[in-house]
Amino acid sequence: MPRKRRKRSLPQPLPLMWMALGLASWETIARRSLMMAEGSCTPAEYQRMVMEKMMAAQQMALLAWSPAATAATLLGPWHKAARSNSRRLRRR
């Protein structure tokens, strides 16, 4: 069965992006803290914590050089990483 293609959504307004980033970050921090407290956080997860922040910062820095950079554009890499982390950790 062929995969359905998702339609590209319109960019979110900045306040909604901030809210979604805050909630996804909170959920990710809570789930990772619980994993650390239980002793079930793997070395790969610790490495992922560092690498994802480095990648998001690098992407944001590259976007900042664009003359059309907006706050929503610069927040995009952090927003995407936080949402994907919260979804991934929710499945564990």
PDB file of N, CA and C in Angstrom:
ATOM      1  N   MET A   1       0.832  -1.165   0.000  1.00  0.00           N
ATOM      2  CA  MET A   1       0.000   0.000   0.000  1.00  0.00           C
ATOM      3  C   MET A   1       0.891   1.248   0.000  1.00  0.00           C
ATOM      4  N   PRO A   2       0.686   2.153  -0.929  1.00  0.00           N
ATOM      5  CA  PRO A   2       1.529   3.343  -0.990  1.00  0.00           C
ATOM      6  C   PRO A   2       1.259   4.273   0.195  1.00  0.00           C
ATOM      7  N   ARG A   3       2.327   4.916   0.617  1.00  0.00           N
ATOM      8  CA  ARG A   3       2.206   5.868   1.727  1.00  0.00           C
ATOM      9  C   ARG A   3       1.505   7.128   1.271  1.00  0.00           C
ATOM     10  N   LYS A   4       0.673   7.639   2.144  1.00  0.00           N
ATOM     11  CA  LYS A   4       0.009   8.901   1.834  1.00  0.00           C
ATOM     12  C   LYS A   4       0.986  10.035   2.060  1.00  0.00           C
ATOM     13  N   ARG A   5       0.950  10.974   1.170  1.00  0.00           N
ATOM     14  CA  ARG A   5       1.800  12.152   1.320  1.00  0.00           C
ATOM     15  C   ARG A   5       1.077  13.165   2.185  1.00  0.00           C
ATOM     16  N   ARG A   6       1.809  13.703   3.133  1.00  0.00           N
ATOM     17  CA  ARG A   6       1.228  14.729   3.987  1.00  0.00           C
ATOM     18  C   ARG A   6       1.326  16.069   3.275  1.00  0.00           C
ATOM     19  N   LYS A   7       0.272  16.823   3.377  1.00  0.00           N
ATOM     20  CA  LYS A   7       0.308  18.167   2.811  1.00  0.00           C
ATOM     21  C   LYS A   7       1.156  19.043   3.702  1.00  0.00           C
ATOM     22  N   ARG A   8       1.902  19.891   3.085  1.00  0.00           N
ATOM     23  CA  ARG A   8       2.735  20.811   3.837  1.00  0.00           C
ATOM     24  C   ARG A   8       1.836  21.850   4.503  1.00  0.00           C
ATOM     25  N   SER A   9       1.971  21.992   5.793  1.00  0.00           N
ATOM     26  CA  SER A   9       1.111  22.926   6.509  1.00  0.00           C
ATOM     27  C   SER A   9       1.648  24.353   6.380  1.00  0.00           C
ATOM     28  N   LEU A  10       0.767  25.277   6.573  1.00  0.00           N
ATOM     29  CA  LEU A  10       1.157  26.672   6.541  1.00  0.00           C
ATOM     30  C   LEU A  10       2.001  26.989   7.764  1.00  0.00           C
ATOM     31  N   PRO A  11       2.877  27.966   7.675  1.00  0.00           N
ATOM     32  CA  PRO A  11       3.681  28.316   8.842  1.00  0.00           C
ATOM     33  C   PRO A  11       2.782  28.775   9.993  1.00  0.00           C
ATOM     34  N   GLN A  12       3.157  28.350  11.190  1.00  0.00           N
ATOM     35  CA  GLN A  12       2.382  28.734  12.362  1.00  0.00           C
ATOM     36  C   GLN A  12       2.722  30.158  12.769  1.00  0.00           C
ATOM     37  N   PRO A  13       1.744  30.854  13.342  1.00  0.00           N
ATOM     38  CA  PRO A  13       2.066  32.177  13.901  1.00  0.00           C
ATOM     39  C   PRO A  13       3.059  32.022  15.051  1.00  0.00           C
ATOM     40  N   LEU A  14       3.876  33.027  15.251  1.00  0.00           N
ATOM     41  CA  LEU A  14       4.943  32.963  16.243  1.00  0.00           C
ATOM     42  C   LEU A  14       4.443  32.627  17.655  1.00  0.00           C
ATOM     43  N   PRO A  15       3.366  33.230  18.157  1.00  0.00           N
ATOM     44  CA  PRO A  15       2.923  32.866  19.514  1.00  0.00           C
ATOM     45  C   PRO A  15       2.551  31.389  19.646  1.00  0.00           C
ATOM     46  N   LEU A  16       1.923  30.830  18.619  1.00  0.00           N
ATOM     47  CA  LEU A  16       1.578  29.402  18.667  1.00  0.00           C
ATOM     48  C   LEU A  16       2.825  28.528  18.605  1.00  0.00           C
ATOM     49  N   MET A  17       3.802  28.982  17.838  1.00  0.00           N
ATOM     50  CA  MET A  17       5.060  28.249  17.745  1.00  0.00           C
ATOM     51  C   MET A  17       5.766  28.229  19.095  1.00  0.00           C
ATOM     52  N   TRP A  18       5.788  29.381  19.788  1.00  0.00           N
ATOM     53  CA  TRP A  18       6.404  29.461  21.120  1.00  0.00           C
ATOM     54  C   TRP A  18       5.696  28.527  22.091  1.00  0.00           C
ATOM     55  N   MET A  19       4.357  28.513  22.035  1.00  0.00           N
ATOM     56  CA  MET A  19       3.584  27.664  22.934  1.00  0.00           C
ATOM     57  C   MET A  19       3.868  26.191  22.668  1.00  0.00           C
ATOM     58  N   ALA A  20       3.855  25.797  21.398  1.00  0.00           N
ATOM     59  CA  ALA A  20       4.116  24.400  21.047  1.00  0.00           C
ATOM     60  C   ALA A  20       5.538  24.006  21.431  1.00  0.00           C
ATOM     61  N   LEU A  21       6.495  24.897  21.232  1.00  0.00           N
ATOM     62  CA  LEU A  21       7.878  24.634  21.612  1.00  0.00           C
ATOM     63  C   LEU A  21       7.988  24.451  23.119  1.00  0.00           C
ATOM     64  N   GLY A  22       7.333  25.308  23.873  1.00  0.00           N
ATOM     65  CA  GLY A  22       7.369  25.208  25.329  1.00  0.00           C
ATOM     66  C   GLY A  22       6.778  23.901  25.838  1.00  0.00           C
ATOM     67  N   LEU A  23       5.629  23.513  25.295  1.00  0.00           N
ATOM     68  CA  LEU A  23       4.990  22.271  25.731  1.00  0.00           C
ATOM     69  C   LEU A  23       5.811  21.041  25.335  1.00  0.00           C
ATOM     70  N   ALA A  24       6.318  21.031  24.117  1.00  0.00           N
ATOM     71  CA  ALA A  24       7.113  19.887  23.663  1.00  0.00           C
ATOM     72  C   ALA A  24       8.416  19.794  24.449  1.00  0.00           C
ATOM     73  N   SER A  25       9.022  20.933  24.743  1.00  0.00           N
ATOM     74  CA  SER A  25      10.261  20.935  25.535  1.00  0.00           C
ATOM     75  C   SER A  25       9.999  20.429  26.946  1.00  0.00           C
ATOM     76  N   TRP A  26       8.910  20.908  27.552  1.00  0.00           N
ATOM     77  CA  TRP A  26       8.554  20.466  28.891  1.00  0.00           C
ATOM     78  C   TRP A  26       8.353  18.948  28.925  1.00  0.00           C
ATOM     79  N   GLU A  27       7.618  18.425  27.941  1.00  0.00           N
ATOM     80  CA  GLU A  27       7.366  16.986  27.897  1.00  0.00           C
ATOM     81  C   GLU A  27       8.664  16.205  27.714  1.00  0.00           C
ATOM     82  N   THR A  28       9.528  16.678  26.825  1.00  0.00           N
ATOM     83  CA  THR A  28      10.802  15.999  26.577  1.00  0.00           C
ATOM     84  C   THR A  28      11.671  15.998  27.830  1.00  0.00           C
ATOM     85  N   ILE A  29      11.764  17.134  28.497  1.00  0.00           N
ATOM     86  CA  ILE A  29      12.570  17.223  29.720  1.00  0.00           C
ATOM     87  C   ILE A  29      12.008  16.305  30.797  1.00  0.00           C
ATOM     88  N   ALA A  30      10.693  16.281  30.951  1.00  0.00           N
ATOM     89  CA  ALA A  30      10.069  15.420  31.967  1.00  0.00           C
ATOM     90  C   ALA A  30      10.330  13.949  31.679  1.00  0.00           C
ATOM     91  N   ARG A  31      10.162  13.549  30.430  1.00  0.00           N
ATOM     92  CA  ARG A  31      10.367  12.135  30.083  1.00  0.00           C
ATOM     93  C   ARG A  31      11.836  11.729  30.225  1.00  0.00           C
ATOM     94  N   ARG A  32      12.744  12.593  29.806  1.00  0.00           N
ATOM     95  CA  ARG A  32      14.164  12.264  29.934  1.00  0.00           C
ATOM     96  C   ARG A  32      14.595  12.256  31.400  1.00  0.00           C
ATOM     97  N   SER A  33      14.066  13.163  32.190  1.00  0.00           N
ATOM     98  CA  SER A  33      14.387  13.173  33.625  1.00  0.00           C
ATOM     99  C   SER A  33      13.911  11.892  34.288  1.00  0.00           C
ATOM    100  N   LEU A  34      12.736  11.425  33.909  1.00  0.00           N
ATOM    101  CA  LEU A  34      12.221  10.168  34.445  1.00  0.00           C
ATOM    102  C   LEU A  34      13.112   9.002  34.031  1.00  0.00           C
ATOM    103  N   MET A  35      13.554   9.016  32.770  1.00  0.00           N
ATOM    104  CA  MET A  35      14.451   7.956  32.300  1.00  0.00           C
ATOM    105  C   MET A  35      15.752   7.965  33.096  1.00  0.00           C
ATOM    106  N   MET A  36      16.282   9.154  33.381  1.00  0.00           N
ATOM    107  CA  MET A  36      17.519   9.259  34.158  1.00  0.00           C
ATOM    108  C   MET A  36      17.305   8.773  35.589  1.00  0.00           C
ATOM    109  N   ALA A  37      16.172   9.138  36.182  1.00  0.00           N
ATOM    110  CA  ALA A  37      15.876   8.726  37.557  1.00  0.00           C
ATOM    111  C   ALA A  37      15.714   7.214  37.658  1.00  0.00           C
ATOM    112  N   GLU A  38      15.140   6.614  36.617  1.00  0.00           N
ATOM    113  CA  GLU A  38      14.956   5.157  36.600  1.00  0.00           C
ATOM    114  C   GLU A  38      16.221   4.421  36.208  1.00  0.00           C
ATOM    115  N   GLY A  39      17.190   5.134  35.646  1.00  0.00           N
ATOM    116  CA  GLY A  39      18.423   4.503  35.176  1.00  0.00           C
ATOM    117  C   GLY A  39      18.271   3.831  33.828  1.00  0.00           C
ATOM    118  N   SER A  40      17.236   4.205  33.090  1.00  0.00           N
ATOM    119  CA  SER A  40      17.001   3.574  31.785  1.00  0.00           C
ATOM    120  C   SER A  40      17.432   4.456  30.617  1.00  0.00           C
ATOM    121  N   CYS A  41      18.094   5.578  30.896  1.00  0.00           N
ATOM    122  CA  CYS A  41      18.564   6.464  29.834  1.00  0.00           C
ATOM    123  C   CYS A  41      19.862   5.895  29.259  1.00  0.00           C
ATOM    124  N   THR A  42      19.842   5.603  27.980  1.00  0.00           N
ATOM    125  CA  THR A  42      20.990   4.970  27.334  1.00  0.00           C
ATOM    126  C   THR A  42      22.054   6.008  26.981  1.00  0.00           C
ATOM    127  N   PRO A  43      23.294   5.561  26.783  1.00  0.00           N
ATOM    128  CA  PRO A  43      24.334   6.497  26.322  1.00  0.00           C
ATOM    129  C   PRO A  43      23.969   7.157  24.986  1.00  0.00           C
ATOM    130  N   ALA A  44      23.256   6.430  24.143  1.00  0.00           N
ATOM    131  CA  ALA A  44      22.833   6.999  22.857  1.00  0.00           C
ATOM    132  C   ALA A  44      21.870   8.164  23.078  1.00  0.00           C
ATOM    133  N   GLU A  45      21.008   8.052  24.082  1.00  0.00           N
ATOM    134  CA  GLU A  45      20.063   9.132  24.377  1.00  0.00           C
ATOM    135  C   GLU A  45      20.797  10.353  24.921  1.00  0.00           C
ATOM    136  N   TYR A  46      21.802  10.132  25.767  1.00  0.00           N
ATOM    137  CA  TYR A  46      22.606  11.255  26.266  1.00  0.00           C
ATOM    138  C   TYR A  46      23.308  11.960  25.102  1.00  0.00           C
ATOM    139  N   GLN A  47      23.845  11.169  24.178  1.00  0.00           N
ATOM    140  CA  GLN A  47      24.530  11.753  23.027  1.00  0.00           C
ATOM    141  C   GLN A  47      23.539  12.519  22.148  1.00  0.00           C
ATOM    142  N   ARG A  48      22.345  11.971  22.002  1.00  0.00           N
ATOM    143  CA  ARG A  48      21.314  12.627  21.198  1.00  0.00           C
ATOM    144  C   ARG A  48      20.954  13.987  21.784  1.00  0.00           C
ATOM    145  N   MET A  49      20.921  14.068  23.130  1.00  0.00           N
ATOM    146  CA  MET A  49      20.590  15.337  23.794  1.00  0.00           C
ATOM    147  C   MET A  49      21.559  16.439  23.379  1.00  0.00           C
ATOM    148  N   VAL A  50      22.828  16.099  23.317  1.00  0.00           N
ATOM    149  CA  VAL A  50      23.850  17.086  22.972  1.00  0.00           C
ATOM    150  C   VAL A  50      23.814  17.394  21.476  1.00  0.00           C
ATOM    151  N   MET A  51      23.753  16.356  20.661  1.00  0.00           N
ATOM    152  CA  MET A  51      23.824  16.537  19.208  1.00  0.00           C
ATOM    153  C   MET A  51      22.631  17.319  18.658  1.00  0.00           C
ATOM    154  N   GLU A  52      21.435  17.070  19.181  1.00  0.00           N
ATOM    155  CA  GLU A  52      20.262  17.760  18.636  1.00  0.00           C
ATOM    156  C   GLU A  52      20.332  19.261  18.900  1.00  0.00           C
ATOM    157  N   LYS A  53      20.877  19.644  20.037  1.00  0.00           N
ATOM    158  CA  LYS A  53      21.001  21.066  20.333  1.00  0.00           C
ATOM    159  C   LYS A  53      22.072  21.711  19.456  1.00  0.00           C
ATOM    160  N   MET A  54      23.153  20.994  19.226  1.00  0.00           N
ATOM    161  CA  MET A  54      24.199  21.522  18.349  1.00  0.00           C
ATOM    162  C   MET A  54      23.676  21.688  16.925  1.00  0.00           C
ATOM    163  N   MET A  55      22.924  20.711  16.449  1.00  0.00           N
ATOM    164  CA  MET A  55      22.382  20.786  15.088  1.00  0.00           C
ATOM    165  C   MET A  55      21.374  21.923  14.959  1.00  0.00           C
ATOM    166  N   ALA A  56      20.484  22.070  15.932  1.00  0.00           N
ATOM    167  CA  ALA A  56      19.481  23.143  15.870  1.00  0.00           C
ATOM    168  C   ALA A  56      20.163  24.507  15.913  1.00  0.00           C
ATOM    169  N   ALA A  57      21.194  24.655  16.755  1.00  0.00           N
ATOM    170  CA  ALA A  57      21.909  25.929  16.834  1.00  0.00           C
ATOM    171  C   ALA A  57      22.630  26.228  15.514  1.00  0.00           C
ATOM    172  N   GLN A  58      23.203  25.202  14.903  1.00  0.00           N
ATOM    173  CA  GLN A  58      23.892  25.391  13.628  1.00  0.00           C
ATOM    174  C   GLN A  58      22.900  25.794  12.534  1.00  0.00           C
ATOM    175  N   GLN A  59      21.759  25.113  12.484  1.00  0.00           N
ATOM    176  CA  GLN A  59      20.757  25.454  11.474  1.00  0.00           C
ATOM    177  C   GLN A  59      20.237  26.873  11.674  1.00  0.00           C
ATOM    178  N   MET A  60      20.017  27.238  12.933  1.00  0.00           N
ATOM    179  CA  MET A  60      19.532  28.587  13.215  1.00  0.00           C
ATOM    180  C   MET A  60      20.571  29.631  12.805  1.00  0.00           C
ATOM    181  N   ALA A  61      21.838  29.363  13.068  1.00  0.00           N
ATOM    182  CA  ALA A  61      22.895  30.300  12.691  1.00  0.00           C
ATOM    183  C   ALA A  61      22.953  30.473  11.179  1.00  0.00           C
ATOM    184  N   LEU A  62      22.800  29.387  10.445  1.00  0.00           N
ATOM    185  CA  LEU A  62      22.808  29.483   8.978  1.00  0.00           C
ATOM    186  C   LEU A  62      21.601  30.260   8.476  1.00  0.00           C
ATOM    187  N   LEU A  63      20.439  30.040   9.101  1.00  0.00           N
ATOM    188  CA  LEU A  63      19.242  30.772   8.695  1.00  0.00           C
ATOM    189  C   LEU A  63      19.339  32.254   9.032  1.00  0.00           C
ATOM    190  N   ALA A  64      20.075  32.577  10.088  1.00  0.00           N
ATOM    191  CA  ALA A  64      20.189  33.975  10.514  1.00  0.00           C
ATOM    192  C   ALA A  64      20.905  34.821   9.466  1.00  0.00           C
ATOM    193  N   TRP A  65      21.712  34.218   8.642  1.00  0.00           N
ATOM    194  CA  TRP A  65      22.428  34.962   7.607  1.00  0.00           C
ATOM    195  C   TRP A  65      21.519  35.324   6.438  1.00  0.00           C
ATOM    196  N   SER A  66      20.369  34.707   6.367  1.00  0.00           N
ATOM    197  CA  SER A  66      19.435  34.991   5.289  1.00  0.00           C
ATOM    198  C   SER A  66      18.806  36.364   5.497  1.00  0.00           C
ATOM    199  N   PRO A  67      18.712  37.161   4.427  1.00  0.00           N
ATOM    200  CA  PRO A  67      18.103  38.486   4.587  1.00  0.00           C
ATOM    201  C   PRO A  67      16.610  38.414   4.910  1.00  0.00           C
ATOM    202  N   ALA A  68      15.979  37.296   4.612  1.00  0.00           N
ATOM    203  CA  ALA A  68      14.545  37.150   4.864  1.00  0.00           C
ATOM    204  C   ALA A  68      14.263  36.414   6.175  1.00  0.00           C
ATOM    205  N   ALA A  69      15.248  36.336   7.059  1.00  0.00           N
ATOM    206  CA  ALA A  69      15.080  35.604   8.315  1.00  0.00           C
ATOM    207  C   ALA A  69      14.092  36.324   9.225  1.00  0.00           C
ATOM    208  N   THR A  70      13.124  35.566   9.695  1.00  0.00           N
ATOM    209  CA  THR A  70      12.160  36.088  10.664  1.00  0.00           C
ATOM    210  C   THR A  70      12.315  35.304  11.956  1.00  0.00           C
ATOM    211  N   ALA A  71      11.660  35.756  12.998  1.00  0.00           N
ATOM    212  CA  ALA A  71      11.735  35.054  14.285  1.00  0.00           C
ATOM    213  C   ALA A  71      11.177  33.633  14.147  1.00  0.00           C
ATOM    214  N   ALA A  72      10.102  33.486  13.399  1.00  0.00           N
ATOM    215  CA  ALA A  72       9.511  32.156  13.210  1.00  0.00           C
ATOM    216  C   ALA A  72      10.455  31.244  12.430  1.00  0.00           C
ATOM    217  N   THR A  73      11.156  31.786  11.458  1.00  0.00           N
ATOM    218  CA  THR A  73      12.115  30.998  10.677  1.00  0.00           C
ATOM    219  C   THR A  73      13.265  30.536  11.563  1.00  0.00           C
ATOM    220  N   LEU A  74      13.749  31.441  12.413  1.00  0.00           N
ATOM    221  CA  LEU A  74      14.866  31.098  13.287  1.00  0.00           C
ATOM    222  C   LEU A  74      14.461  30.117  14.380  1.00  0.00           C
ATOM    223  N   LEU A  75      13.212  30.153  14.797  1.00  0.00           N
ATOM    224  CA  LEU A  75      12.724  29.252  15.829  1.00  0.00           C
ATOM    225  C   LEU A  75      12.415  27.866  15.262  1.00  0.00           C
ATOM    226  N   GLY A  76      12.276  27.769  13.958  1.00  0.00           N
ATOM    227  CA  GLY A  76      11.889  26.527  13.292  1.00  0.00           C
ATOM    228  C   GLY A  76      12.703  25.296  13.660  1.00  0.00           C
ATOM    229  N   PRO A  77      14.053  25.337  13.609  1.00  0.00           N
ATOM    230  CA  PRO A  77      14.827  24.138  13.945  1.00  0.00           C
ATOM    231  C   PRO A  77      14.602  23.664  15.380  1.00  0.00           C
ATOM    232  N   TRP A  78      14.462  24.595  16.321  1.00  0.00           N
ATOM    233  CA  TRP A  78      14.223  24.216  17.724  1.00  0.00           C
ATOM    234  C   TRP A  78      12.834  23.604  17.868  1.00  0.00           C
ATOM    235  N   HIS A  79      11.863  24.205  17.193  1.00  0.00           N
ATOM    236  CA  HIS A  79      10.482  23.735  17.236  1.00  0.00           C
ATOM    237  C   HIS A  79      10.381  22.317  16.674  1.00  0.00           C
ATOM    238  N   LYS A  80      11.016  22.095  15.547  1.00  0.00           N
ATOM    239  CA  LYS A  80      10.974  20.781  14.898  1.00  0.00           C
ATOM    240  C   LYS A  80      11.633  19.711  15.767  1.00  0.00           C
ATOM    241  N   ALA A  81      12.789  20.027  16.337  1.00  0.00           N
ATOM    242  CA  ALA A  81      13.500  19.059  17.182  1.00  0.00           C
ATOM    243  C   ALA A  81      12.712  18.731  18.441  1.00  0.00           C
ATOM    244  N   ALA A  82      12.128  19.731  19.060  1.00  0.00           N
ATOM    245  CA  ALA A  82      11.377  19.501  20.297  1.00  0.00           C
ATOM    246  C   ALA A  82      10.138  18.661  20.033  1.00  0.00           C
ATOM    247  N   ARG A  83       9.437  18.944  18.949  1.00  0.00           N
ATOM    248  CA  ARG A  83       8.230  18.165  18.641  1.00  0.00           C
ATOM    249  C   ARG A  83       8.573  16.726  18.286  1.00  0.00           C
ATOM    250  N   SER A  84       9.629  16.513  17.519  1.00  0.00           N
ATOM    251  CA  SER A  84       9.982  15.140  17.153  1.00  0.00           C
ATOM    252  C   SER A  84      10.464  14.365  18.370  1.00  0.00           C
ATOM    253  N   ASN A  85      11.189  15.014  19.279  1.00  0.00           N
ATOM    254  CA  ASN A  85      11.631  14.340  20.502  1.00  0.00           C
ATOM    255  C   ASN A  85      10.453  13.942  21.379  1.00  0.00           C
ATOM    256  N   SER A  86       9.510  14.844  21.565  1.00  0.00           N
ATOM    257  CA  SER A  86       8.377  14.514  22.422  1.00  0.00           C
ATOM    258  C   SER A  86       7.571  13.358  21.831  1.00  0.00           C
ATOM    259  N   ARG A  87       7.397  13.352  20.503  1.00  0.00           N
ATOM    260  CA  ARG A  87       6.680  12.228  19.869  1.00  0.00           C
ATOM    261  C   ARG A  87       7.460  10.930  20.015  1.00  0.00           C
ATOM    262  N   ARG A  88       8.775  10.979  19.821  1.00  0.00           N
ATOM    263  CA  ARG A  88       9.603   9.763  19.907  1.00  0.00           C
ATOM    264  C   ARG A  88       9.612   9.209  21.320  1.00  0.00           C
ATOM    265  N   LEU A  89       9.787  10.079  22.305  1.00  0.00           N
ATOM    266  CA  LEU A  89       9.844   9.618  23.699  1.00  0.00           C
ATOM    267  C   LEU A  89       8.486   9.167  24.204  1.00  0.00           C
ATOM    268  N   ARG A  90       7.422   9.675  23.641  1.00  0.00           N
ATOM    269  CA  ARG A  90       6.067   9.248  24.026  1.00  0.00           C
ATOM    270  C   ARG A  90       5.847   7.779  23.694  1.00  0.00           C
ATOM    271  N   ARG A  91       6.499   7.287  22.654  1.00  0.00           N
ATOM    272  CA  ARG A  91       6.324   5.889  22.231  1.00  0.00           C
ATOM    273  C   ARG A  91       7.078   4.909  23.115  1.00  0.00           C
ATOM    274  N   ARG A  92       8.008   5.376  23.943  1.00  0.00           N
ATOM    275  CA  ARG A  92       8.802   4.485  24.793  1.00  0.00           C
ATOM    276  C   ARG A  92       8.029   3.996  25.972  1.00  0.00           C
TER     277      ARG A  92
END
